[in-house]
Protein backbone atom coordinates (compact mmCIF):
# COMPACT_ATOMS: atom_id res chain seq x y z
CA UNK A 1 -0.62 -17.20 15.79
CA UNK A 2 1.82 -15.02 13.84
CA UNK A 3 4.27 -17.89 13.32
CA UNK A 4 7.34 -16.95 11.29
CA UNK A 5 8.83 -18.77 8.35
CA UNK A 6 12.18 -17.07 8.89
CA UNK A 7 13.98 -14.77 11.30
CA UNK A 8 16.59 -13.87 8.67
CA UNK A 9 14.86 -10.67 7.60
CA UNK A 10 16.23 -7.75 5.57
CA UNK A 11 17.54 -4.94 7.76
CA UNK A 12 15.74 -1.59 7.31
CA UNK A 13 17.86 1.26 6.01
CA UNK A 14 15.92 3.63 8.29
CA UNK A 15 13.60 3.29 11.24
CA UNK A 16 11.37 6.30 11.86
CA UNK A 17 8.77 6.29 14.62
CA UNK A 18 8.37 2.54 14.33
CA UNK A 19 8.13 2.59 10.52
CA UNK A 20 10.75 0.35 8.90
CA UNK A 21 11.96 1.91 5.64
CA UNK A 22 13.71 -0.42 3.16
CA UNK A 23 15.14 1.93 0.53
CA UNK A 24 15.49 0.41 -2.94
CA UNK A 25 14.55 -3.08 -1.80
CA UNK A 26 13.05 -3.82 -5.22
CA UNK A 27 15.93 -3.40 -7.72
CA UNK A 28 15.37 -1.00 -10.61
CA UNK A 29 15.92 -3.73 -13.20
CA UNK A 30 13.12 -5.83 -11.69
CA UNK A 31 10.46 -3.14 -11.32
CA UNK A 32 9.05 -3.50 -14.84
CA UNK A 33 7.97 -7.03 -13.96
CA UNK A 34 6.02 -5.65 -11.00
CA UNK A 35 4.28 -3.17 -13.27
CA UNK A 36 3.33 -6.00 -15.65
CA UNK A 37 1.79 -7.92 -12.74
CA UNK A 38 -0.19 -4.86 -11.65
CA UNK A 39 -1.44 -4.24 -15.19
CA UNK A 40 -2.78 -7.80 -15.24
CA UNK A 41 -4.66 -7.12 -12.00
CA UNK A 42 -6.07 -3.87 -13.38
CA UNK A 43 -7.20 -5.65 -16.56
CA UNK A 44 -9.32 -7.97 -14.39
CA UNK A 45 -10.35 -5.36 -11.79
CA UNK A 46 -10.23 -1.86 -13.32
CA UNK A 47 -9.13 1.17 -11.34
CA UNK A 48 -12.02 3.19 -9.89
CA UNK A 49 -12.27 6.67 -8.38
CA UNK A 50 -13.17 6.09 -4.70
CA UNK A 51 -15.95 8.19 -3.17
CA UNK A 52 -15.84 9.00 0.54
CA UNK A 53 -18.94 8.51 2.71
CA UNK A 54 -19.38 12.29 2.53
CA UNK A 55 -19.58 12.15 -1.26
CA UNK A 56 -16.13 13.52 -2.06
CA UNK A 57 -14.12 11.95 -4.89
CA UNK A 58 -10.61 10.96 -3.83
CA UNK A 59 -7.69 12.06 -6.03
CA UNK A 60 -6.20 8.57 -6.30
CA UNK A 61 -7.61 5.73 -8.39
CA UNK A 62 -7.89 2.36 -6.68
CA UNK A 63 -8.30 -1.37 -7.14
CA UNK A 64 -7.19 -4.50 -5.27
CA UNK A 65 -6.09 -8.11 -5.47
CA UNK A 66 -6.73 -10.95 -3.04
CA UNK A 67 -9.77 -12.37 -1.33
CA UNK A 68 -10.86 -8.91 -0.20
CA UNK A 69 -10.54 -5.36 -1.44
CA UNK A 70 -10.94 -2.11 0.47
CA UNK A 71 -13.79 0.03 -0.86
CA UNK A 72 -15.42 3.29 0.03
CA UNK A 73 -18.69 4.89 -1.03
CA UNK A 74 -21.61 6.60 0.64
CA UNK A 75 -22.25 3.40 2.62
CA UNK A 76 -18.88 3.77 4.38
CA UNK A 77 -15.34 2.40 4.48
CA UNK A 78 -15.10 -1.39 4.46
CA UNK A 79 -13.57 -4.53 2.96
CA UNK A 80 -15.62 -6.28 0.29
CA UNK A 81 -15.31 -9.63 -1.50
CA UNK A 82 -16.21 -8.16 -4.90
CA UNK A 83 -15.05 -5.28 -7.09
CA UNK A 84 -17.48 -2.31 -7.11
CA UNK A 85 -18.19 -3.06 -10.78
CA UNK A 86 -18.88 -6.74 -10.06
CA UNK A 87 -16.69 -9.83 -10.08
CA UNK A 88 -14.18 -11.26 -7.64
CA UNK A 89 -10.84 -9.59 -7.05
CA UNK A 90 -7.96 -11.28 -8.92
CA UNK A 91 -5.33 -13.18 -6.92
CA UNK A 92 -2.34 -11.38 -5.42
CA UNK A 93 0.63 -11.84 -7.79
CA UNK A 94 3.22 -14.40 -6.67
CA UNK A 95 6.14 -11.96 -6.57
CA UNK A 96 4.11 -9.61 -4.34
CA UNK A 97 3.36 -12.43 -1.90
CA UNK A 98 7.03 -13.42 -2.02
CA UNK A 99 8.07 -9.94 -0.89
CA UNK A 100 5.60 -10.07 2.01
CA UNK A 101 7.04 -13.36 3.28
CA UNK A 102 10.63 -12.20 2.73
CA UNK A 103 10.22 -8.90 4.60
CA UNK A 104 7.84 -9.92 7.39
CA UNK A 105 8.96 -13.53 7.85
CA UNK A 106 5.32 -14.39 8.57
CA UNK A 107 3.67 -17.66 7.62
CA UNK A 108 0.27 -15.97 7.34
CA UNK A 109 -0.25 -14.49 3.87
CA UNK A 110 -2.12 -11.23 3.31
CA UNK A 111 -5.65 -11.52 1.96
CA UNK A 112 -5.76 -7.99 0.53
CA UNK A 113 -3.38 -6.08 -1.72
CA UNK A 114 -4.74 -2.57 -2.14
CA UNK A 115 -3.47 -0.79 -5.27
CA UNK A 116 -3.53 3.02 -5.45
CA UNK A 117 -2.51 4.97 -8.54
CA UNK A 118 -1.38 8.57 -8.07
CA UNK A 119 -1.55 10.71 -11.19
CA UNK A 120 -0.51 14.35 -11.43
CA UNK A 121 -1.81 16.27 -8.41
CA UNK A 122 -3.00 13.20 -6.46
CA UNK A 123 -2.43 12.95 -2.72
CA UNK A 124 -3.63 11.01 0.29
CA UNK A 125 -4.69 12.78 3.48
CA UNK A 126 -3.49 11.72 6.91
CA UNK A 127 -5.30 8.55 7.97
CA UNK A 128 -5.02 5.34 9.99
CA UNK A 129 -5.32 1.83 8.55
CA UNK A 130 -7.89 0.59 11.04
CA UNK A 131 -10.55 -1.38 9.14
CA UNK A 132 -8.69 -4.72 9.19
CA UNK A 133 -10.08 -6.00 12.49
CA UNK A 134 -6.70 -7.43 13.60
CA UNK A 135 -3.78 -5.10 14.22
CA UNK A 136 -1.23 -7.74 15.22
CA UNK A 137 -0.14 -8.09 11.59
CA UNK A 138 1.85 -5.34 9.87
CA UNK A 139 0.89 -3.40 6.76
CA UNK A 140 3.54 -3.59 4.03
CA UNK A 141 3.71 -0.74 1.51
CA UNK A 142 5.49 -0.77 -1.86
CA UNK A 143 6.28 2.34 -3.92
CA UNK A 144 6.73 2.16 -7.70
CA UNK A 145 7.17 5.07 -10.10
CA UNK A 146 7.32 8.74 -9.15
CA UNK A 147 8.73 9.98 -5.85
CA UNK A 148 6.19 10.65 -3.09
CA UNK A 149 6.43 12.81 0.03
CA UNK A 150 5.38 10.47 2.84
CA UNK A 151 4.26 12.09 6.09
CA UNK A 152 4.29 10.15 9.35
CA UNK A 153 2.43 11.09 12.51
CA UNK A 154 1.55 9.38 15.75
CA UNK A 155 -1.39 7.36 17.00
CA UNK A 156 -3.06 10.63 18.02
CA UNK A 157 -3.76 13.07 15.20
CA UNK A 158 -2.33 16.21 16.90
CA UNK A 159 1.09 14.54 17.27
CA UNK A 160 4.00 16.22 15.43
CA UNK A 161 4.78 14.77 12.01
CA UNK A 162 7.91 13.95 10.03
CA UNK A 163 8.24 13.54 6.27
CA UNK A 164 10.54 11.72 3.86
CA UNK A 165 10.60 11.09 0.13
CA UNK A 166 9.79 7.55 -0.99
CA UNK A 167 11.30 6.47 -4.30
CA UNK A 168 10.53 3.68 -6.74
CA UNK A 169 11.42 0.32 -5.20
CA UNK A 170 11.16 1.49 -1.59
CA UNK A 171 9.27 -0.71 0.86
CA UNK A 172 7.78 0.42 4.19
CA UNK A 173 6.60 -1.86 7.00
CA UNK A 174 4.08 -0.46 9.49
CA UNK A 175 3.88 -2.74 12.49
CA UNK A 176 4.04 -2.67 16.26
CA UNK A 177 3.88 0.88 17.56
CA UNK A 178 3.47 2.21 14.01
CA UNK A 179 0.57 -0.04 13.05
CA UNK A 180 -2.11 2.53 13.90
CA UNK A 181 -0.06 5.67 13.33
CA UNK A 182 -1.45 8.39 11.08
CA UNK A 183 0.29 8.70 7.72
CA UNK A 184 -0.33 10.16 4.28
CA UNK A 185 1.09 11.33 0.97
CA UNK A 186 1.35 15.11 0.70
CA UNK A 187 2.42 15.23 -2.92
CA UNK A 188 3.96 13.26 -5.77
CA UNK A 189 6.89 14.56 -7.81
CA UNK A 190 5.31 13.89 -11.19
CA UNK A 191 7.76 12.73 -13.87
CA UNK A 192 10.56 11.97 -11.41
CA UNK A 193 10.65 8.31 -12.52
CA UNK A 194 10.75 6.77 -15.99
CA UNK A 195 9.16 3.50 -14.84
CA UNK A 196 5.67 4.45 -16.07
CA UNK A 197 5.69 5.98 -19.59
CA UNK A 198 3.14 8.68 -18.67
CA UNK A 199 4.40 9.18 -15.14
CA UNK A 200 2.57 8.53 -11.89
CA UNK A 201 3.04 6.48 -8.77
CA UNK A 202 1.75 3.02 -7.92
CA UNK A 203 1.40 2.13 -4.25
CA UNK A 204 0.66 -1.40 -3.06
CA UNK A 205 -0.35 -2.05 0.54
CA UNK A 206 -0.56 -5.63 1.75
CA UNK A 207 -2.86 -6.33 4.67
CA UNK A 208 -4.23 -9.21 6.74
CA UNK A 209 -7.94 -8.66 7.24
CA UNK A 210 -9.60 -10.58 10.06
CA UNK A 211 -11.96 -13.36 8.97
């Protein structure tokens, strides 16, 4: 049951095709603490270059926190209990879990926090988040660092798309009709944020993966 801790949830600044956009929900003066938390995760579970089942290297680098991490290689897309290099995934940082509960109001905590790093030229093609096994829970996405052009489609790939720029501190909730909608990152405006000394964008996506 998706029992809620609270019904007093933050109001989205924009709703687009079922996607709830919370612009600047993470204040600028608190974002450095998020980056410190993510660096601690990366120290325990280093970023890797994901390889698609077809053998293509993705342009993002990826790791995860929580009981499970999403991985891809020639064996396929899936959730795994261990980092590709060995070892368990580190726990999801407390402030990240706090944001999930604050925004979703759900009692159930996510068991995966996927971390993608976008360097210069990185992008993410249109895709659905459909490996979780239970689509009743939302996916919560956090943007930190450089601006990213986020493209939103429909449940069917040929559907028309709309795009908007996500900035550092923005939070997106994909639930309900948007849970299985196609979405992607067309490009990142490298150097648009001073949060990361060498530029780049960090994206966290929190998910509930079925047991």
